Amino acid sequence: ASSEREEAEEFAALSRRAEGGDHRAADGLHARHRRADERADDEEVSLVLREVHRADARRHHKNGDGQGALAAHAVL
């Protein structure tokens, strides 16, 4: 019985240490990955929007609409 009690106390102590552990390093790593993913997403959205604006400008230019040149300059 004594050994079971010691084992239970040791398990409880290990559990408390794990719960109270310092997770800042893991949290920081997660935050860096999240920021990198967000930057990649932002860059992709920016590229897609830029291409959409260019396509609009080409379409306006092809149709003889003077607005196309203005739209192309606004994007850049």
PDB file of N, CA and C in Angstrom:
ATOM      1  N   ALA A   1       0.826  -1.195   0.000  1.00  0.00           N
ATOM      2  CA  ALA A   1       0.000   0.000   0.000  1.00  0.00           C
ATOM      3  C   ALA A   1       0.864   1.250   0.000  1.00  0.00           C
ATOM      4  N   SER A   2       1.959   1.173   0.738  1.00  0.00           N
ATOM      5  CA  SER A   2       2.854   2.323   0.822  1.00  0.00           C
ATOM      6  C   SER A   2       3.454   2.648  -0.541  1.00  0.00           C
ATOM      7  N   SER A   3       3.808   1.610  -1.276  1.00  0.00           N
ATOM      8  CA  SER A   3       4.402   1.831  -2.596  1.00  0.00           C
ATOM      9  C   SER A   3       3.383   2.405  -3.575  1.00  0.00           C
ATOM     10  N   GLU A   4       2.127   1.967  -3.447  1.00  0.00           N
ATOM     11  CA  GLU A   4       1.079   2.522  -4.306  1.00  0.00           C
ATOM     12  C   GLU A   4       0.862   3.998  -4.003  1.00  0.00           C
ATOM     13  N   ARG A   5       0.926   4.336  -2.711  1.00  0.00           N
ATOM     14  CA  ARG A   5       0.746   5.735  -2.320  1.00  0.00           C
ATOM     15  C   ARG A   5       1.894   6.584  -2.860  1.00  0.00           C
ATOM     16  N   GLU A   6       3.121   6.083  -2.714  1.00  0.00           N
ATOM     17  CA  GLU A   6       4.286   6.811  -3.229  1.00  0.00           C
ATOM     18  C   GLU A   6       4.181   6.997  -4.737  1.00  0.00           C
ATOM     19  N   GLU A   7       3.738   5.964  -5.418  1.00  0.00           N
ATOM     20  CA  GLU A   7       3.567   6.028  -6.866  1.00  0.00           C
ATOM     21  C   GLU A   7       2.515   7.075  -7.241  1.00  0.00           C
ATOM     22  N   ALA A   8       1.425   7.092  -6.485  1.00  0.00           N
ATOM     23  CA  ALA A   8       0.359   8.066  -6.742  1.00  0.00           C
ATOM     24  C   ALA A   8       0.851   9.484  -6.487  1.00  0.00           C
ATOM     25  N   GLU A   9       1.632   9.672  -5.416  1.00  0.00           N
ATOM     26  CA  GLU A   9       2.179  10.997  -5.112  1.00  0.00           C
ATOM     27  C   GLU A   9       3.152  11.445  -6.200  1.00  0.00           C
ATOM     28  N   GLU A  10       3.976  10.525  -6.670  1.00  0.00           N
ATOM     29  CA  GLU A  10       4.928  10.845  -7.735  1.00  0.00           C
ATOM     30  C   GLU A  10       4.184  11.220  -9.023  1.00  0.00           C
ATOM     31  N   PHE A  11       3.149  10.457  -9.334  1.00  0.00           N
ATOM     32  CA  PHE A  11       2.347  10.749 -10.516  1.00  0.00           C
ATOM     33  C   PHE A  11       1.697  12.127 -10.397  1.00  0.00           C
ATOM     34  N   ALA A  12       1.168  12.433  -9.198  1.00  0.00           N
ATOM     35  CA  ALA A  12       0.533  13.733  -8.970  1.00  0.00           C
ATOM     36  C   ALA A  12       1.554  14.861  -9.124  1.00  0.00           C
ATOM     37  N   ALA A  13       2.749  14.648  -8.600  1.00  0.00           N
ATOM     38  CA  ALA A  13       3.799  15.669  -8.712  1.00  0.00           C
ATOM     39  C   ALA A  13       4.182  15.889 -10.175  1.00  0.00           C
ATOM     40  N   LEU A  14       4.309  14.809 -10.929  1.00  0.00           N
ATOM     41  CA  LEU A  14       4.633  14.932 -12.354  1.00  0.00           C
ATOM     42  C   LEU A  14       3.521  15.659 -13.111  1.00  0.00           C
ATOM     43  N   SER A  15       2.286  15.353 -12.757  1.00  0.00           N
ATOM     44  CA  SER A  15       1.147  16.012 -13.398  1.00  0.00           C
ATOM     45  C   SER A  15       1.152  17.507 -13.115  1.00  0.00           C
ATOM     46  N   ARG A  16       1.434  17.871 -11.858  1.00  0.00           N
ATOM     47  CA  ARG A  16       1.472  19.296 -11.497  1.00  0.00           C
ATOM     48  C   ARG A  16       2.579  20.008 -12.264  1.00  0.00           C
ATOM     49  N   ARG A  17       3.738  19.369 -12.386  1.00  0.00           N
ATOM     50  CA  ARG A  17       4.849  19.981 -13.134  1.00  0.00           C
ATOM     51  C   ARG A  17       4.481  20.167 -14.595  1.00  0.00           C
ATOM     52  N   ALA A  18       3.819  19.188 -15.169  1.00  0.00           N
ATOM     53  CA  ALA A  18       3.430  19.277 -16.579  1.00  0.00           C
ATOM     54  C   ALA A  18       2.398  20.383 -16.785  1.00  0.00           C
ATOM     55  N   GLU A  19       1.446  20.487 -15.853  1.00  0.00           N
ATOM     56  CA  GLU A  19       0.412  21.520 -15.971  1.00  0.00           C
ATOM     57  C   GLU A  19       0.996  22.910 -15.795  1.00  0.00           C
ATOM     58  N   GLY A  20       1.967  23.035 -14.913  1.00  0.00           N
ATOM     59  CA  GLY A  20       2.556  24.344 -14.630  1.00  0.00           C
ATOM     60  C   GLY A  20       3.779  24.632 -15.467  1.00  0.00           C
ATOM     61  N   GLY A  21       4.008  23.816 -16.477  1.00  0.00           N
ATOM     62  CA  GLY A  21       5.196  23.968 -17.303  1.00  0.00           C
ATOM     63  C   GLY A  21       5.236  25.274 -18.068  1.00  0.00           C
ATOM     64  N   ASP A  22       6.428  25.625 -18.475  1.00  0.00           N
ATOM     65  CA  ASP A  22       6.643  26.855 -19.229  1.00  0.00           C
ATOM     66  C   ASP A  22       6.438  26.547 -20.703  1.00  0.00           C
ATOM     67  N   HIS A  23       5.356  27.027 -21.252  1.00  0.00           N
ATOM     68  CA  HIS A  23       5.011  26.749 -22.644  1.00  0.00           C
ATOM     69  C   HIS A  23       5.329  27.927 -23.558  1.00  0.00           C
ATOM     70  N   ARG A  24       6.055  28.926 -23.049  1.00  0.00           N
ATOM     71  CA  ARG A  24       6.312  30.124 -23.854  1.00  0.00           C
ATOM     72  C   ARG A  24       7.069  29.818 -25.140  1.00  0.00           C
ATOM     73  N   ALA A  25       8.021  28.912 -25.088  1.00  0.00           N
ATOM     74  CA  ALA A  25       8.790  28.594 -26.297  1.00  0.00           C
ATOM     75  C   ALA A  25       7.882  27.997 -27.369  1.00  0.00           C
ATOM     76  N   ALA A  26       7.041  27.066 -26.985  1.00  0.00           N
ATOM     77  CA  ALA A  26       6.114  26.454 -27.949  1.00  0.00           C
ATOM     78  C   ALA A  26       5.100  27.473 -28.445  1.00  0.00           C
ATOM     79  N   ASP A  27       4.610  28.325 -27.540  1.00  0.00           N
ATOM     80  CA  ASP A  27       3.653  29.355 -27.946  1.00  0.00           C
ATOM     81  C   ASP A  27       4.295  30.326 -28.931  1.00  0.00           C
ATOM     82  N   GLY A  28       5.543  30.693 -28.667  1.00  0.00           N
ATOM     83  CA  GLY A  28       6.252  31.598 -29.574  1.00  0.00           C
ATOM     84  C   GLY A  28       6.457  30.976 -30.939  1.00  0.00           C
ATOM     85  N   LEU A  29       6.811  29.704 -30.962  1.00  0.00           N
ATOM     86  CA  LEU A  29       6.996  29.004 -32.233  1.00  0.00           C
ATOM     87  C   LEU A  29       5.685  28.967 -33.005  1.00  0.00           C
ATOM     88  N   HIS A  30       4.592  28.670 -32.316  1.00  0.00           N
ATOM     89  CA  HIS A  30       3.276  28.641 -32.958  1.00  0.00           C
ATOM     90  C   HIS A  30       2.935  30.020 -33.518  1.00  0.00           C
ATOM     91  N   ALA A  31       3.208  31.067 -32.762  1.00  0.00           N
ATOM     92  CA  ALA A  31       2.904  32.431 -33.218  1.00  0.00           C
ATOM     93  C   ALA A  31       3.725  32.781 -34.452  1.00  0.00           C
ATOM     94  N   ARG A  32       4.994  32.385 -34.482  1.00  0.00           N
ATOM     95  CA  ARG A  32       5.838  32.678 -35.660  1.00  0.00           C
ATOM     96  C   ARG A  32       5.304  31.961 -36.887  1.00  0.00           C
ATOM     97  N   HIS A  33       4.909  30.706 -36.727  1.00  0.00           N
ATOM     98  CA  HIS A  33       4.354  29.962 -37.864  1.00  0.00           C
ATOM     99  C   HIS A  33       3.051  30.595 -38.334  1.00  0.00           C
ATOM    100  N   ARG A  34       2.215  31.010 -37.385  1.00  0.00           N
ATOM    101  CA  ARG A  34       0.938  31.624 -37.742  1.00  0.00           C
ATOM    102  C   ARG A  34       1.180  32.931 -38.499  1.00  0.00           C
ATOM    103  N   ARG A  35       2.129  33.749 -38.032  1.00  0.00           N
ATOM    104  CA  ARG A  35       2.425  35.010 -38.721  1.00  0.00           C
ATOM    105  C   ARG A  35       2.968  34.740 -40.113  1.00  0.00           C
ATOM    106  N   ALA A  36       3.828  33.730 -40.258  1.00  0.00           N
ATOM    107  CA  ALA A  36       4.380  33.402 -41.575  1.00  0.00           C
ATOM    108  C   ALA A  36       3.269  32.958 -42.518  1.00  0.00           C
ATOM    109  N   ASP A  37       2.345  32.143 -42.011  1.00  0.00           N
ATOM    110  CA  ASP A  37       1.214  31.703 -42.839  1.00  0.00           C
ATOM    111  C   ASP A  37       0.345  32.881 -43.245  1.00  0.00           C
ATOM    112  N   GLU A  38       0.102  33.804 -42.306  1.00  0.00           N
ATOM    113  CA  GLU A  38      -0.727  34.969 -42.619  1.00  0.00           C
ATOM    114  C   GLU A  38      -0.047  35.849 -43.659  1.00  0.00           C
ATOM    115  N   ARG A  39       1.282  36.023 -43.537  1.00  0.00           N
ATOM    116  CA  ARG A  39       2.010  36.826 -44.531  1.00  0.00           C
ATOM    117  C   ARG A  39       1.916  36.178 -45.895  1.00  0.00           C
ATOM    118  N   ALA A  40       2.068  34.864 -45.946  1.00  0.00           N
ATOM    119  CA  ALA A  40       1.971  34.159 -47.229  1.00  0.00           C
ATOM    120  C   ALA A  40       0.581  34.328 -47.821  1.00  0.00           C
ATOM    121  N   ASP A  41      -0.450  34.219 -46.987  1.00  0.00           N
ATOM    122  CA  ASP A  41      -1.823  34.413 -47.463  1.00  0.00           C
ATOM    123  C   ASP A  41      -2.028  35.834 -47.966  1.00  0.00           C
ATOM    124  N   ASP A  42      -1.514  36.821 -47.227  1.00  0.00           N
ATOM    125  CA  ASP A  42      -1.649  38.220 -47.637  1.00  0.00           C
ATOM    126  C   ASP A  42      -0.958  38.468 -48.969  1.00  0.00           C
ATOM    127  N   GLU A  43       0.232  37.886 -49.145  1.00  0.00           N
ATOM    128  CA  GLU A  43       0.961  38.054 -50.404  1.00  0.00           C
ATOM    129  C   GLU A  43       0.194  37.419 -51.558  1.00  0.00           C
ATOM    130  N   GLU A  44      -0.380  36.251 -51.325  1.00  0.00           N
ATOM    131  CA  GLU A  44      -1.144  35.572 -52.373  1.00  0.00           C
ATOM    132  C   GLU A  44      -2.372  36.395 -52.760  1.00  0.00           C
ATOM    133  N   VAL A  45      -3.077  36.920 -51.776  1.00  0.00           N
ATOM    134  CA  VAL A  45      -4.248  37.756 -52.049  1.00  0.00           C
ATOM    135  C   VAL A  45      -3.828  38.991 -52.823  1.00  0.00           C
ATOM    136  N   SER A  46      -2.725  39.592 -52.435  1.00  0.00           N
ATOM    137  CA  SER A  46      -2.227  40.785 -53.115  1.00  0.00           C
ATOM    138  C   SER A  46      -1.901  40.484 -54.576  1.00  0.00           C
ATOM    139  N   LEU A  47      -1.257  39.352 -54.824  1.00  0.00           N
ATOM    140  CA  LEU A  47      -0.923  38.975 -56.203  1.00  0.00           C
ATOM    141  C   LEU A  47      -2.179  38.734 -57.032  1.00  0.00           C
ATOM    142  N   VAL A  48      -3.151  38.063 -56.452  1.00  0.00           N
ATOM    143  CA  VAL A  48      -4.403  37.789 -57.169  1.00  0.00           C
ATOM    144  C   VAL A  48      -5.122  39.094 -57.480  1.00  0.00           C
ATOM    145  N   LEU A  49      -5.216  39.982 -56.499  1.00  0.00           N
ATOM    146  CA  LEU A  49      -5.887  41.264 -56.733  1.00  0.00           C
ATOM    147  C   LEU A  49      -5.158  42.091 -57.788  1.00  0.00           C
ATOM    148  N   ARG A  50      -3.834  42.073 -57.733  1.00  0.00           N
ATOM    149  CA  ARG A  50      -3.052  42.811 -58.731  1.00  0.00           C
ATOM    150  C   ARG A  50      -3.341  42.271 -60.131  1.00  0.00           C
ATOM    151  N   GLU A  51      -3.404  40.946 -60.265  1.00  0.00           N
ATOM    152  CA  GLU A  51      -3.693  40.340 -61.573  1.00  0.00           C
ATOM    153  C   GLU A  51      -5.110  40.679 -62.035  1.00  0.00           C
ATOM    154  N   VAL A  52      -6.063  40.695 -61.120  1.00  0.00           N
ATOM    155  CA  VAL A  52      -7.436  41.069 -61.472  1.00  0.00           C
ATOM    156  C   VAL A  52      -7.466  42.507 -61.980  1.00  0.00           C
ATOM    157  N   HIS A  53      -6.762  43.393 -61.290  1.00  0.00           N
ATOM    158  CA  HIS A  53      -6.728  44.795 -61.725  1.00  0.00           C
ATOM    159  C   HIS A  53      -6.055  44.932 -63.092  1.00  0.00           C
ATOM    160  N   ARG A  54      -4.995  44.179 -63.300  1.00  0.00           N
ATOM    161  CA  ARG A  54      -4.320  44.221 -64.613  1.00  0.00           C
ATOM    162  C   ARG A  54      -5.251  43.721 -65.710  1.00  0.00           C
ATOM    163  N   ALA A  55      -5.970  42.638 -65.441  1.00  0.00           N
ATOM    164  CA  ALA A  55      -6.910  42.107 -66.433  1.00  0.00           C
ATOM    165  C   ALA A  55      -7.997  43.137 -66.725  1.00  0.00           C
ATOM    166  N   ASP A  56      -8.493  43.814 -65.696  1.00  0.00           N
ATOM    167  CA  ASP A  56      -9.484  44.878 -65.896  1.00  0.00           C
ATOM    168  C   ASP A  56      -8.910  45.991 -66.762  1.00  0.00           C
ATOM    169  N   ALA A  57      -7.689  46.386 -66.461  1.00  0.00           N
ATOM    170  CA  ALA A  57      -7.054  47.460 -67.228  1.00  0.00           C
ATOM    171  C   ALA A  57      -6.893  47.050 -68.688  1.00  0.00           C
ATOM    172  N   ARG A  58      -6.473  45.798 -68.924  1.00  0.00           N
ATOM    173  CA  ARG A  58      -6.323  45.323 -70.313  1.00  0.00           C
ATOM    174  C   ARG A  58      -7.673  45.308 -71.018  1.00  0.00           C
ATOM    175  N   ARG A  59      -8.699  44.860 -70.308  1.00  0.00           N
ATOM    176  CA  ARG A  59     -10.033  44.812 -70.901  1.00  0.00           C
ATOM    177  C   ARG A  59     -10.520  46.220 -71.238  1.00  0.00           C
ATOM    178  N   HIS A  60     -10.327  47.150 -70.334  1.00  0.00           N
ATOM    179  CA  HIS A  60     -10.744  48.531 -70.595  1.00  0.00           C
ATOM    180  C   HIS A  60      -9.962  49.120 -71.765  1.00  0.00           C
ATOM    181  N   HIS A  61      -8.671  48.840 -71.804  1.00  0.00           N
ATOM    182  CA  HIS A  61      -7.827  49.356 -72.885  1.00  0.00           C
ATOM    183  C   HIS A  61      -8.258  48.762 -74.227  1.00  0.00           C
ATOM    184  N   LYS A  62      -8.530  47.464 -74.221  1.00  0.00           N
ATOM    185  CA  LYS A  62      -8.956  46.786 -75.449  1.00  0.00           C
ATOM    186  C   LYS A  62     -10.286  47.351 -75.936  1.00  0.00           C
ATOM    187  N   ASN A  63     -11.163  47.688 -75.010  1.00  0.00           N
ATOM    188  CA  ASN A  63     -12.470  48.238 -75.362  1.00  0.00           C
ATOM    189  C   ASN A  63     -12.408  49.732 -75.658  1.00  0.00           C
ATOM    190  N   GLY A  64     -11.222  50.324 -75.563  1.00  0.00           N
ATOM    191  CA  GLY A  64     -11.075  51.743 -75.864  1.00  0.00           C
ATOM    192  C   GLY A  64     -11.500  52.651 -74.728  1.00  0.00           C
ATOM    193  N   ASP A  65     -11.663  52.122 -73.561  1.00  0.00           N
ATOM    194  CA  ASP A  65     -12.071  52.917 -72.405  1.00  0.00           C
ATOM    195  C   ASP A  65     -10.828  53.559 -71.790  1.00  0.00           C
ATOM    196  N   GLY A  66     -10.818  54.855 -71.660  1.00  0.00           N
ATOM    197  CA  GLY A  66      -9.681  55.570 -71.090  1.00  0.00           C
ATOM    198  C   GLY A  66      -9.471  55.291 -69.618  1.00  0.00           C
ATOM    199  N   GLN A  67     -10.418  54.676 -68.956  1.00  0.00           N
ATOM    200  CA  GLN A  67     -10.305  54.389 -67.527  1.00  0.00           C
ATOM    201  C   GLN A  67      -9.247  53.323 -67.235  1.00  0.00           C
ATOM    202  N   GLY A  68      -8.917  52.510 -68.217  1.00  0.00           N
ATOM    203  CA  GLY A  68      -7.969  51.418 -67.991  1.00  0.00           C
ATOM    204  C   GLY A  68      -6.612  51.912 -67.547  1.00  0.00           C
ATOM    205  N   ALA A  69      -6.122  52.977 -68.167  1.00  0.00           N
ATOM    206  CA  ALA A  69      -4.813  53.516 -67.800  1.00  0.00           C
ATOM    207  C   ALA A  69      -4.834  54.019 -66.362  1.00  0.00           C
ATOM    208  N   LEU A  70      -5.916  54.653 -65.970  1.00  0.00           N
ATOM    209  CA  LEU A  70      -6.020  55.152 -64.601  1.00  0.00           C
ATOM    210  C   LEU A  70      -6.069  54.000 -63.603  1.00  0.00           C
ATOM    211  N   ALA A  71      -6.785  52.957 -63.926  1.00  0.00           N
ATOM    212  CA  ALA A  71      -6.890  51.805 -63.026  1.00  0.00           C
ATOM    213  C   ALA A  71      -5.534  51.139 -62.847  1.00  0.00           C
ATOM    214  N   ALA A  72      -4.761  51.030 -63.925  1.00  0.00           N
ATOM    215  CA  ALA A  72      -3.445  50.398 -63.839  1.00  0.00           C
ATOM    216  C   ALA A  72      -2.521  51.221 -62.949  1.00  0.00           C
ATOM    217  N   HIS A  73      -2.583  52.541 -63.038  1.00  0.00           N
ATOM    218  CA  HIS A  73      -1.727  53.386 -62.206  1.00  0.00           C
ATOM    219  C   HIS A  73      -2.149  53.343 -60.743  1.00  0.00           C
ATOM    220  N   ALA A  74      -3.426  53.205 -60.480  1.00  0.00           N
ATOM    221  CA  ALA A  74      -3.913  53.168 -59.100  1.00  0.00           C
ATOM    222  C   ALA A  74      -3.416  51.924 -58.373  1.00  0.00           C
ATOM    223  N   VAL A  75      -3.254  50.824 -59.077  1.00  0.00           N
ATOM    224  CA  VAL A  75      -2.807  49.571 -58.463  1.00  0.00           C
ATOM    225  C   VAL A  75      -1.336  49.645 -58.117  1.00  0.00           C
ATOM    226  N   LEU A  76      -0.542  50.219 -58.993  1.00  0.00           N
ATOM    227  CA  LEU A  76       0.893  50.286 -58.765  1.00  0.00           C
ATOM    228  C   LEU A  76       1.163  51.289 -57.691  1.00  0.00           C
TER     229      LEU A  76
END
